[in-house]
Every structure is written in C-alpha cells, then in structure tokens.
Amino acid sequence: MARRRGRIDTTQGPIRQALEDVGAFVFSTADTGDGFPDLIVGFRGRLFLLECKTGEGKLREKQKAFAAKLWALAGVCVTVARTPSEALYLIGATAQR
C-alpha cells in the first residue's frame, strides 16, 4: 500500500526559519514517514531530531513508537517543538524560554 504524503504542521516553517537564523543546519524529513521526526538539526557540534507540533497537537502512535525505539537502541531523544522560541531553547540557542 502506498504511503500518503506526510502532514506538515504550520509551525514547521517558522521553527525552521528561527533555527536557520541562529546558524543551525536544518534538514526537513517531514515526508519520510513511519514516525520519523520532522527535522534533523545540527547546531554547535550536536545533532537534534525535532518533531514540530501545533498547540496541543499530540504525537501519533507511529511517532511514539519510533521515538521509543530510537531511545532504546541508540539513546537518542526525539524532542517536540511547538514554537520557534521553544525550538531554540531545545537546541541550546537561548538560555531562557
């Protein structure tokens, strides 16, 4: 069965722009599917996997399963960003929320 195109939350554009504005490398993986996070972010020698959500948006079951498996197998955390300022905080680009 063919996978339908991934949904891109409206927050992804502003989050991506804010990250790029502070010099982060940002690669969108929103169309990857199978629960893979929306963005791969490189900043100050570190790599982050970010899932962009709006307001009270929840992770889907595939997203939860992917994040749990990645953590169990590699100790890598997927984080959820809902706003540009939250994304900047998560990568360490700002000291406060």
PDB file of N, CA and C in Angstrom:
ATOM      1  N   MET A   1       0.841  -1.182   0.000  1.00  0.00           N
ATOM      2  CA  MET A   1       0.000   0.000   0.000  1.00  0.00           C
ATOM      3  C   MET A   1       0.885   1.243   0.000  1.00  0.00           C
ATOM      4  N   ALA A   2       0.582   2.181  -0.852  1.00  0.00           N
ATOM      5  CA  ALA A   2       1.367   3.408  -0.943  1.00  0.00           C
ATOM      6  C   ALA A   2       1.086   4.301   0.260  1.00  0.00           C
ATOM      7  N   ARG A   3       2.156   4.908   0.746  1.00  0.00           N
ATOM      8  CA  ARG A   3       2.026   5.821   1.879  1.00  0.00           C
ATOM      9  C   ARG A   3       1.554   7.178   1.380  1.00  0.00           C
ATOM     10  N   ARG A   4       0.613   7.757   2.110  1.00  0.00           N
ATOM     11  CA  ARG A   4       0.186   9.096   1.715  1.00  0.00           C
ATOM     12  C   ARG A   4       1.222  10.119   2.156  1.00  0.00           C
ATOM     13  N   ARG A   5       1.230  11.228   1.494  1.00  0.00           N
ATOM     14  CA  ARG A   5       2.186  12.292   1.792  1.00  0.00           C
ATOM     15  C   ARG A   5       2.039  12.741   3.238  1.00  0.00           C
ATOM     16  N   GLY A   6       3.170  12.977   3.897  1.00  0.00           N
ATOM     17  CA  GLY A   6       3.168  13.388   5.298  1.00  0.00           C
ATOM     18  C   GLY A   6       2.509  14.741   5.496  1.00  0.00           C
ATOM     19  N   ARG A   7       1.945  14.908   6.670  1.00  0.00           N
ATOM     20  CA  ARG A   7       1.349  16.197   7.027  1.00  0.00           C
ATOM     21  C   ARG A   7       2.423  17.091   7.624  1.00  0.00           C
ATOM     22  N   ILE A   8       2.463  18.326   7.192  1.00  0.00           N
ATOM     23  CA  ILE A   8       3.433  19.278   7.719  1.00  0.00           C
ATOM     24  C   ILE A   8       2.684  20.291   8.566  1.00  0.00           C
ATOM     25  N   ASP A   9       3.012  20.320   9.863  1.00  0.00           N
ATOM     26  CA  ASP A   9       2.363  21.272  10.765  1.00  0.00           C
ATOM     27  C   ASP A   9       2.732  22.694  10.379  1.00  0.00           C
ATOM     28  N   THR A  10       1.822  23.614  10.596  1.00  0.00           N
ATOM     29  CA  THR A  10       2.047  25.011  10.224  1.00  0.00           C
ATOM     30  C   THR A  10       3.204  25.632  11.005  1.00  0.00           C
ATOM     31  N   THR A  11       3.588  25.034  12.105  1.00  0.00           N
ATOM     32  CA  THR A  11       4.696  25.572  12.897  1.00  0.00           C
ATOM     33  C   THR A  11       6.057  25.262  12.289  1.00  0.00           C
ATOM     34  N   GLN A  12       6.126  24.287  11.381  1.00  0.00           N
ATOM     35  CA  GLN A  12       7.431  23.867  10.867  1.00  0.00           C
ATOM     36  C   GLN A  12       8.174  24.992  10.161  1.00  0.00           C
ATOM     37  N   GLY A  13       7.516  25.763   9.331  1.00  0.00           N
ATOM     38  CA  GLY A  13       8.185  26.857   8.613  1.00  0.00           C
ATOM     39  C   GLY A  13       8.812  27.875   9.542  1.00  0.00           C
ATOM     40  N   PRO A  14       8.038  28.439  10.484  1.00  0.00           N
ATOM     41  CA  PRO A  14       8.620  29.414  11.415  1.00  0.00           C
ATOM     42  C   PRO A  14       9.708  28.814  12.312  1.00  0.00           C
ATOM     43  N   ILE A  15       9.541  27.549  12.721  1.00  0.00           N
ATOM     44  CA  ILE A  15      10.563  26.895  13.544  1.00  0.00           C
ATOM     45  C   ILE A  15      11.845  26.748  12.729  1.00  0.00           C
ATOM     46  N   ARG A  16      11.712  26.273  11.514  1.00  0.00           N
ATOM     47  CA  ARG A  16      12.890  26.102  10.653  1.00  0.00           C
ATOM     48  C   ARG A  16      13.602  27.431  10.440  1.00  0.00           C
ATOM     49  N   GLN A  17      12.856  28.473  10.164  1.00  0.00           N
ATOM     50  CA  GLN A  17      13.457  29.790   9.919  1.00  0.00           C
ATOM     51  C   GLN A  17      14.211  30.286  11.143  1.00  0.00           C
ATOM     52  N   ALA A  18      13.621  30.139  12.330  1.00  0.00           N
ATOM     53  CA  ALA A  18      14.282  30.587  13.564  1.00  0.00           C
ATOM     54  C   ALA A  18      15.587  29.827  13.789  1.00  0.00           C
ATOM     55  N   LEU A  19      15.563  28.528  13.528  1.00  0.00           N
ATOM     56  CA  LEU A  19      16.766  27.715  13.694  1.00  0.00           C
ATOM     57  C   LEU A  19      17.850  28.134  12.706  1.00  0.00           C
ATOM     58  N   GLU A  20      17.467  28.340  11.463  1.00  0.00           N
ATOM     59  CA  GLU A  20      18.437  28.772  10.455  1.00  0.00           C
ATOM     60  C   GLU A  20      18.988  30.163  10.768  1.00  0.00           C
ATOM     61  N   ASP A  21      18.154  31.036  11.346  1.00  0.00           N
ATOM     62  CA  ASP A  21      18.576  32.398  11.683  1.00  0.00           C
ATOM     63  C   ASP A  21      19.693  32.423  12.724  1.00  0.00           C
ATOM     64  N   VAL A  22      19.780  31.382  13.573  1.00  0.00           N
ATOM     65  CA  VAL A  22      20.865  31.334  14.568  1.00  0.00           C
ATOM     66  C   VAL A  22      22.038  30.489  14.070  1.00  0.00           C
ATOM     67  N   GLY A  23      21.996  30.089  12.810  1.00  0.00           N
ATOM     68  CA  GLY A  23      23.108  29.368  12.222  1.00  0.00           C
ATOM     69  C   GLY A  23      23.017  27.858  12.262  1.00  0.00           C
ATOM     70  N   ALA A  24      21.875  27.325  12.628  1.00  0.00           N
ATOM     71  CA  ALA A  24      21.710  25.874  12.657  1.00  0.00           C
ATOM     72  C   ALA A  24      21.539  25.333  11.239  1.00  0.00           C
ATOM     73  N   PHE A  25      22.032  24.118  11.017  1.00  0.00           N
ATOM     74  CA  PHE A  25      21.759  23.386   9.791  1.00  0.00           C
ATOM     75  C   PHE A  25      20.437  22.665  10.016  1.00  0.00           C
ATOM     76  N   VAL A  26      19.498  22.842   9.092  1.00  0.00           N
ATOM     77  CA  VAL A  26      18.175  22.231   9.246  1.00  0.00           C
ATOM     78  C   VAL A  26      17.820  21.474   7.979  1.00  0.00           C
ATOM     79  N   PHE A  27      17.433  20.210   8.156  1.00  0.00           N
ATOM     80  CA  PHE A  27      17.030  19.375   7.037  1.00  0.00           C
ATOM     81  C   PHE A  27      15.646  18.812   7.337  1.00  0.00           C
ATOM     82  N   SER A  28      14.700  19.077   6.461  1.00  0.00           N
ATOM     83  CA  SER A  28      13.339  18.590   6.665  1.00  0.00           C
ATOM     84  C   SER A  28      13.224  17.134   6.242  1.00  0.00           C
ATOM     85  N   THR A  29      12.669  16.332   7.128  1.00  0.00           N
ATOM     86  CA  THR A  29      12.412  14.916   6.868  1.00  0.00           C
ATOM     87  C   THR A  29      10.930  14.622   7.057  1.00  0.00           C
ATOM     88  N   ALA A  30      10.101  15.653   6.937  1.00  0.00           N
ATOM     89  CA  ALA A  30       8.666  15.526   7.203  1.00  0.00           C
ATOM     90  C   ALA A  30       7.987  14.493   6.315  1.00  0.00           C
ATOM     91  N   ASP A  31       8.498  14.274   5.119  1.00  0.00           N
ATOM     92  CA  ASP A  31       7.887  13.306   4.204  1.00  0.00           C
ATOM     93  C   ASP A  31       8.467  11.896   4.324  1.00  0.00           C
ATOM     94  N   THR A  32       9.336  11.675   5.277  1.00  0.00           N
ATOM     95  CA  THR A  32       9.962  10.361   5.429  1.00  0.00           C
ATOM     96  C   THR A  32       8.951   9.302   5.854  1.00  0.00           C
ATOM     97  N   GLY A  33       8.078   9.645   6.765  1.00  0.00           N
ATOM     98  CA  GLY A  33       7.053   8.705   7.215  1.00  0.00           C
ATOM     99  C   GLY A  33       7.542   7.732   8.262  1.00  0.00           C
ATOM    100  N   ASP A  34       6.699   6.784   8.598  1.00  0.00           N
ATOM    101  CA  ASP A  34       6.986   5.748   9.589  1.00  0.00           C
ATOM    102  C   ASP A  34       7.370   6.307  10.949  1.00  0.00           C
ATOM    103  N   GLY A  35       6.863   7.478  11.285  1.00  0.00           N
ATOM    104  CA  GLY A  35       7.107   8.061  12.599  1.00  0.00           C
ATOM    105  C   GLY A  35       8.390   8.854  12.725  1.00  0.00           C
ATOM    106  N   PHE A  36       9.165   8.967  11.613  1.00  0.00           N
ATOM    107  CA  PHE A  36      10.425   9.712  11.676  1.00  0.00           C
ATOM    108  C   PHE A  36      10.132  11.184  11.955  1.00  0.00           C
ATOM    109  N   PRO A  37      10.932  11.849  12.807  1.00  0.00           N
ATOM    110  CA  PRO A  37      10.690  13.257  13.152  1.00  0.00           C
ATOM    111  C   PRO A  37      10.776  14.190  11.942  1.00  0.00           C
ATOM    112  N   ASP A  38      10.237  15.387  12.106  1.00  0.00           N
ATOM    113  CA  ASP A  38      10.141  16.356  11.017  1.00  0.00           C
ATOM    114  C   ASP A  38      11.465  16.986  10.600  1.00  0.00           C
ATOM    115  N   LEU A  39      12.337  17.256  11.571  1.00  0.00           N
ATOM    116  CA  LEU A  39      13.557  17.997  11.274  1.00  0.00           C
ATOM    117  C   LEU A  39      14.788  17.339  11.886  1.00  0.00           C
ATOM    118  N   ILE A  40      15.866  17.321  11.115  1.00  0.00           N
ATOM    119  CA  ILE A  40      17.187  16.993  11.640  1.00  0.00           C
ATOM    120  C   ILE A  40      17.910  18.328  11.758  1.00  0.00           C
ATOM    121  N   VAL A  41      18.417  18.625  12.937  1.00  0.00           N
ATOM    122  CA  VAL A  41      19.037  19.923  13.196  1.00  0.00           C
ATOM    123  C   VAL A  41      20.454  19.718  13.715  1.00  0.00           C
ATOM    124  N   GLY A  42      21.398  20.386  13.099  1.00  0.00           N
ATOM    125  CA  GLY A  42      22.773  20.394  13.576  1.00  0.00           C
ATOM    126  C   GLY A  42      23.097  21.769  14.113  1.00  0.00           C
ATOM    127  N   PHE A  43      23.642  21.807  15.341  1.00  0.00           N
ATOM    128  CA  PHE A  43      23.950  23.104  15.956  1.00  0.00           C
ATOM    129  C   PHE A  43      25.088  22.933  16.953  1.00  0.00           C
ATOM    130  N   ARG A  44      26.144  23.699  16.758  1.00  0.00           N
ATOM    131  CA  ARG A  44      27.306  23.699  17.656  1.00  0.00           C
ATOM    132  C   ARG A  44      27.821  22.290  17.941  1.00  0.00           C
ATOM    133  N   GLY A  45      27.975  21.512  16.893  1.00  0.00           N
ATOM    134  CA  GLY A  45      28.547  20.185  17.030  1.00  0.00           C
ATOM    135  C   GLY A  45      27.623  19.121  17.576  1.00  0.00           C
ATOM    136  N   ARG A  46      26.343  19.429  17.685  1.00  0.00           N
ATOM    137  CA  ARG A  46      25.369  18.454  18.192  1.00  0.00           C
ATOM    138  C   ARG A  46      24.274  18.242  17.164  1.00  0.00           C
ATOM    139  N   LEU A  47      23.644  17.086  17.238  1.00  0.00           N
ATOM    140  CA  LEU A  47      22.565  16.734  16.320  1.00  0.00           C
ATOM    141  C   LEU A  47      21.279  16.567  17.108  1.00  0.00           C
ATOM    142  N   PHE A  48      20.188  17.110  16.582  1.00  0.00           N
ATOM    143  CA  PHE A  48      18.881  17.049  17.237  1.00  0.00           C
ATOM    144  C   PHE A  48      17.836  16.526  16.257  1.00  0.00           C
ATOM    145  N   LEU A  49      16.893  15.767  16.764  1.00  0.00           N
ATOM    146  CA  LEU A  49      15.737  15.333  15.988  1.00  0.00           C
ATOM    147  C   LEU A  49      14.520  16.009  16.584  1.00  0.00           C
ATOM    148  N   LEU A  50      13.873  16.862  15.795  1.00  0.00           N
ATOM    149  CA  LEU A  50      12.734  17.628  16.286  1.00  0.00           C
ATOM    150  C   LEU A  50      11.454  17.236  15.563  1.00  0.00           C
ATOM    151  N   GLU A  51      10.411  17.090  16.326  1.00  0.00           N
ATOM    152  CA  GLU A  51       9.066  16.886  15.802  1.00  0.00           C
ATOM    153  C   GLU A  51       8.319  18.197  16.021  1.00  0.00           C
ATOM    154  N   CYS A  52       7.797  18.789  14.956  1.00  0.00           N
ATOM    155  CA  CYS A  52       7.062  20.054  15.046  1.00  0.00           C
ATOM    156  C   CYS A  52       5.577  19.759  15.254  1.00  0.00           C
ATOM    157  N   LYS A  53       5.002  20.398  16.239  1.00  0.00           N
ATOM    158  CA  LYS A  53       3.574  20.245  16.527  1.00  0.00           C
ATOM    159  C   LYS A  53       2.960  21.624  16.751  1.00  0.00           C
ATOM    160  N   THR A  54       1.664  21.699  16.542  1.00  0.00           N
ATOM    161  CA  THR A  54       0.943  22.937  16.807  1.00  0.00           C
ATOM    162  C   THR A  54       0.209  22.810  18.130  1.00  0.00           C
ATOM    163  N   GLY A  55       0.109  23.909  18.847  1.00  0.00           N
ATOM    164  CA  GLY A  55      -0.682  23.974  20.078  1.00  0.00           C
ATOM    165  C   GLY A  55      -0.638  22.720  20.921  1.00  0.00           C
ATOM    166  N   GLU A  56      -1.773  22.064  21.008  1.00  0.00           N
ATOM    167  CA  GLU A  56      -1.902  20.855  21.821  1.00  0.00           C
ATOM    168  C   GLU A  56      -1.751  19.586  20.997  1.00  0.00           C
ATOM    169  N   GLY A  57      -1.218  19.693  19.796  1.00  0.00           N
ATOM    170  CA  GLY A  57      -1.046  18.526  18.933  1.00  0.00           C
ATOM    171  C   GLY A  57      -0.275  17.414  19.627  1.00  0.00           C
ATOM    172  N   LYS A  58      -0.717  16.209  19.460  1.00  0.00           N
ATOM    173  CA  LYS A  58      -0.128  15.038  20.110  1.00  0.00           C
ATOM    174  C   LYS A  58       0.678  14.221  19.108  1.00  0.00           C
ATOM    175  N   LEU A  59       1.632  13.472  19.615  1.00  0.00           N
ATOM    176  CA  LEU A  59       2.362  12.542  18.775  1.00  0.00           C
ATOM    177  C   LEU A  59       1.438  11.402  18.365  1.00  0.00           C
ATOM    178  N   ARG A  60       1.549  10.992  17.114  1.00  0.00           N
ATOM    179  CA  ARG A  60       0.785   9.828  16.657  1.00  0.00           C
ATOM    180  C   ARG A  60       1.484   8.568  17.145  1.00  0.00           C
ATOM    181  N   GLU A  61       0.791   7.451  17.093  1.00  0.00           N
ATOM    182  CA  GLU A  61       1.333   6.192  17.619  1.00  0.00           C
ATOM    183  C   GLU A  61       2.648   5.807  16.939  1.00  0.00           C
ATOM    184  N   LYS A  62       2.739   5.972  15.623  1.00  0.00           N
ATOM    185  CA  LYS A  62       3.989   5.651  14.919  1.00  0.00           C
ATOM    186  C   LYS A  62       5.133   6.545  15.392  1.00  0.00           C
ATOM    187  N   GLN A  63       4.824   7.809  15.673  1.00  0.00           N
ATOM    188  CA  GLN A  63       5.851   8.736  16.156  1.00  0.00           C
ATOM    189  C   GLN A  63       6.333   8.324  17.542  1.00  0.00           C
ATOM    190  N   LYS A  64       5.399   7.945  18.399  1.00  0.00           N
ATOM    191  CA  LYS A  64       5.773   7.485  19.741  1.00  0.00           C
ATOM    192  C   LYS A  64       6.623   6.227  19.670  1.00  0.00           C
ATOM    193  N   ALA A  65       6.220   5.288  18.823  1.00  0.00           N
ATOM    194  CA  ALA A  65       6.958   4.030  18.692  1.00  0.00           C
ATOM    195  C   ALA A  65       8.367   4.273  18.149  1.00  0.00           C
ATOM    196  N   PHE A  66       8.486   5.139  17.146  1.00  0.00           N
ATOM    197  CA  PHE A  66       9.797   5.442  16.581  1.00  0.00           C
ATOM    198  C   PHE A  66      10.698   6.061  17.641  1.00  0.00           C
ATOM    199  N   ALA A  67      10.178   7.047  18.368  1.00  0.00           N
ATOM    200  CA  ALA A  67      10.970   7.730  19.395  1.00  0.00           C
ATOM    201  C   ALA A  67      11.404   6.753  20.481  1.00  0.00           C
ATOM    202  N   ALA A  68      10.519   5.867  20.898  1.00  0.00           N
ATOM    203  CA  ALA A  68      10.843   4.893  21.944  1.00  0.00           C
ATOM    204  C   ALA A  68      11.927   3.920  21.467  1.00  0.00           C
ATOM    205  N   LYS A  69      11.819   3.474  20.234  1.00  0.00           N
ATOM    206  CA  LYS A  69      12.801   2.525  19.693  1.00  0.00           C
ATOM    207  C   LYS A  69      14.161   3.199  19.531  1.00  0.00           C
ATOM    208  N   LEU A  70      14.181   4.422  19.046  1.00  0.00           N
ATOM    209  CA  LEU A  70      15.425   5.154  18.876  1.00  0.00           C
ATOM    210  C   LEU A  70      16.114   5.364  20.216  1.00  0.00           C
ATOM    211  N   TRP A  71      15.328   5.679  21.237  1.00  0.00           N
ATOM    212  CA  TRP A  71      15.885   5.876  22.571  1.00  0.00           C
ATOM    213  C   TRP A  71      16.440   4.555  23.111  1.00  0.00           C
ATOM    214  N   ALA A  72      15.682   3.482  22.963  1.00  0.00           N
ATOM    215  CA  ALA A  72      16.098   2.182  23.488  1.00  0.00           C
ATOM    216  C   ALA A  72      17.346   1.646  22.795  1.00  0.00           C
ATOM    217  N   LEU A  73      17.441   1.828  21.491  1.00  0.00           N
ATOM    218  CA  LEU A  73      18.551   1.260  20.728  1.00  0.00           C
ATOM    219  C   LEU A  73      19.793   2.143  20.676  1.00  0.00           C
ATOM    220  N   ALA A  74      19.599   3.459  20.698  1.00  0.00           N
ATOM    221  CA  ALA A  74      20.739   4.350  20.485  1.00  0.00           C
ATOM    222  C   ALA A  74      20.878   5.457  21.520  1.00  0.00           C
ATOM    223  N   GLY A  75      19.920   5.576  22.448  1.00  0.00           N
ATOM    224  CA  GLY A  75      19.984   6.638  23.449  1.00  0.00           C
ATOM    225  C   GLY A  75      19.778   8.017  22.854  1.00  0.00           C
ATOM    226  N   VAL A  76      19.109   8.071  21.699  1.00  0.00           N
ATOM    227  CA  VAL A  76      18.847   9.340  21.013  1.00  0.00           C
ATOM    228  C   VAL A  76      17.417   9.766  21.290  1.00  0.00           C
ATOM    229  N   CYS A  77      17.260  11.016  21.662  1.00  0.00           N
ATOM    230  CA  CYS A  77      15.952  11.549  22.039  1.00  0.00           C
ATOM    231  C   CYS A  77      15.338  12.362  20.893  1.00  0.00           C
ATOM    232  N   VAL A  78      14.060  12.156  20.668  1.00  0.00           N
ATOM    233  CA  VAL A  78      13.283  12.992  19.754  1.00  0.00           C
ATOM    234  C   VAL A  78      12.542  13.998  20.627  1.00  0.00           C
ATOM    235  N   THR A  79      12.685  15.289  20.331  1.00  0.00           N
ATOM    236  CA  THR A  79      12.003  16.305  21.116  1.00  0.00           C
ATOM    237  C   THR A  79      10.916  16.978  20.285  1.00  0.00           C
ATOM    238  N   VAL A  80       9.914  17.500  20.973  1.00  0.00           N
ATOM    239  CA  VAL A  80       8.785  18.160  20.329  1.00  0.00           C
ATOM    240  C   VAL A  80       8.919  19.669  20.511  1.00  0.00           C
ATOM    241  N   ALA A  81       8.835  20.399  19.410  1.00  0.00           N
ATOM    242  CA  ALA A  81       8.861  21.856  19.443  1.00  0.00           C
ATOM    243  C   ALA A  81       7.527  22.375  18.925  1.00  0.00           C
ATOM    244  N   ARG A  82       6.930  23.299  19.660  1.00  0.00           N
ATOM    245  CA  ARG A  82       5.645  23.875  19.280  1.00  0.00           C
ATOM    246  C   ARG A  82       5.762  25.326  18.808  1.00  0.00           C
ATOM    247  N   THR A  83       6.864  25.967  19.167  1.00  0.00           N
ATOM    248  CA  THR A  83       7.088  27.360  18.782  1.00  0.00           C
ATOM    249  C   THR A  83       8.551  27.548  18.399  1.00  0.00           C
ATOM    250  N   PRO A  84       8.853  28.598  17.650  1.00  0.00           N
ATOM    251  CA  PRO A  84      10.250  28.874  17.337  1.00  0.00           C
ATOM    252  C   PRO A  84      11.109  29.067  18.587  1.00  0.00           C
ATOM    253  N   SER A  85      10.599  29.792  19.587  1.00  0.00           N
ATOM    254  CA  SER A  85      11.397  30.021  20.795  1.00  0.00           C
ATOM    255  C   SER A  85      11.649  28.717  21.548  1.00  0.00           C
ATOM    256  N   GLU A  86      10.683  27.805  21.538  1.00  0.00           N
ATOM    257  CA  GLU A  86      10.883  26.512  22.180  1.00  0.00           C
ATOM    258  C   GLU A  86      11.950  25.705  21.439  1.00  0.00           C
ATOM    259  N   ALA A  87      11.933  25.731  20.116  1.00  0.00           N
ATOM    260  CA  ALA A  87      12.936  25.018  19.331  1.00  0.00           C
ATOM    261  C   ALA A  87      14.330  25.559  19.617  1.00  0.00           C
ATOM    262  N   LEU A  88      14.459  26.877  19.693  1.00  0.00           N
ATOM    263  CA  LEU A  88      15.755  27.482  20.006  1.00  0.00           C
ATOM    264  C   LEU A  88      16.237  27.054  21.389  1.00  0.00           C
ATOM    265  N   TYR A  89      15.345  27.014  22.336  1.00  0.00           N
ATOM    266  CA  TYR A  89      15.681  26.574  23.690  1.00  0.00           C
ATOM    267  C   TYR A  89      16.153  25.113  23.677  1.00  0.00           C
ATOM    268  N   LEU A  90      15.442  24.271  22.938  1.00  0.00           N
ATOM    269  CA  LEU A  90      15.768  22.846  22.900  1.00  0.00           C
ATOM    270  C   LEU A  90      17.157  22.557  22.332  1.00  0.00           C
ATOM    271  N   ILE A  91      17.626  23.381  21.400  1.00  0.00           N
ATOM    272  CA  ILE A  91      18.960  23.160  20.838  1.00  0.00           C
ATOM    273  C   ILE A  91      20.043  23.937  21.583  1.00  0.00           C
ATOM    274  N   GLY A  92      19.648  24.708  22.584  1.00  0.00           N
ATOM    275  CA  GLY A  92      20.633  25.450  23.366  1.00  0.00           C
ATOM    276  C   GLY A  92      21.021  26.785  22.773  1.00  0.00           C
ATOM    277  N   ALA A  93      20.178  27.316  21.883  1.00  0.00           N
ATOM    278  CA  ALA A  93      20.480  28.610  21.282  1.00  0.00           C
ATOM    279  C   ALA A  93      20.038  29.765  22.161  1.00  0.00           C
ATOM    280  N   THR A  94      19.192  29.480  23.140  1.00  0.00           N
ATOM    281  CA  THR A  94      18.773  30.504  24.104  1.00  0.00           C
ATOM    282  C   THR A  94      18.835  29.892  25.498  1.00  0.00           C
ATOM    283  N   ALA A  95      19.071  30.732  26.489  1.00  0.00           N
ATOM    284  CA  ALA A  95      19.205  30.250  27.866  1.00  0.00           C
ATOM    285  C   ALA A  95      17.851  30.187  28.572  1.00  0.00           C
ATOM    286  N   GLN A  96      16.896  30.964  28.101  1.00  0.00           N
ATOM    287  CA  GLN A  96      15.602  31.023  28.775  1.00  0.00           C
ATOM    288  C   GLN A  96      14.483  30.794  27.778  1.00  0.00           C
ATOM    289  N   ARG A  97      13.335  30.409  28.295  1.00  0.00           N
ATOM    290  CA  ARG A  97      12.145  30.264  27.469  1.00  0.00           C
ATOM    291  C   ARG A  97      11.412  31.559  27.411  1.00  0.00           C
TER     292      ARG A  97
END
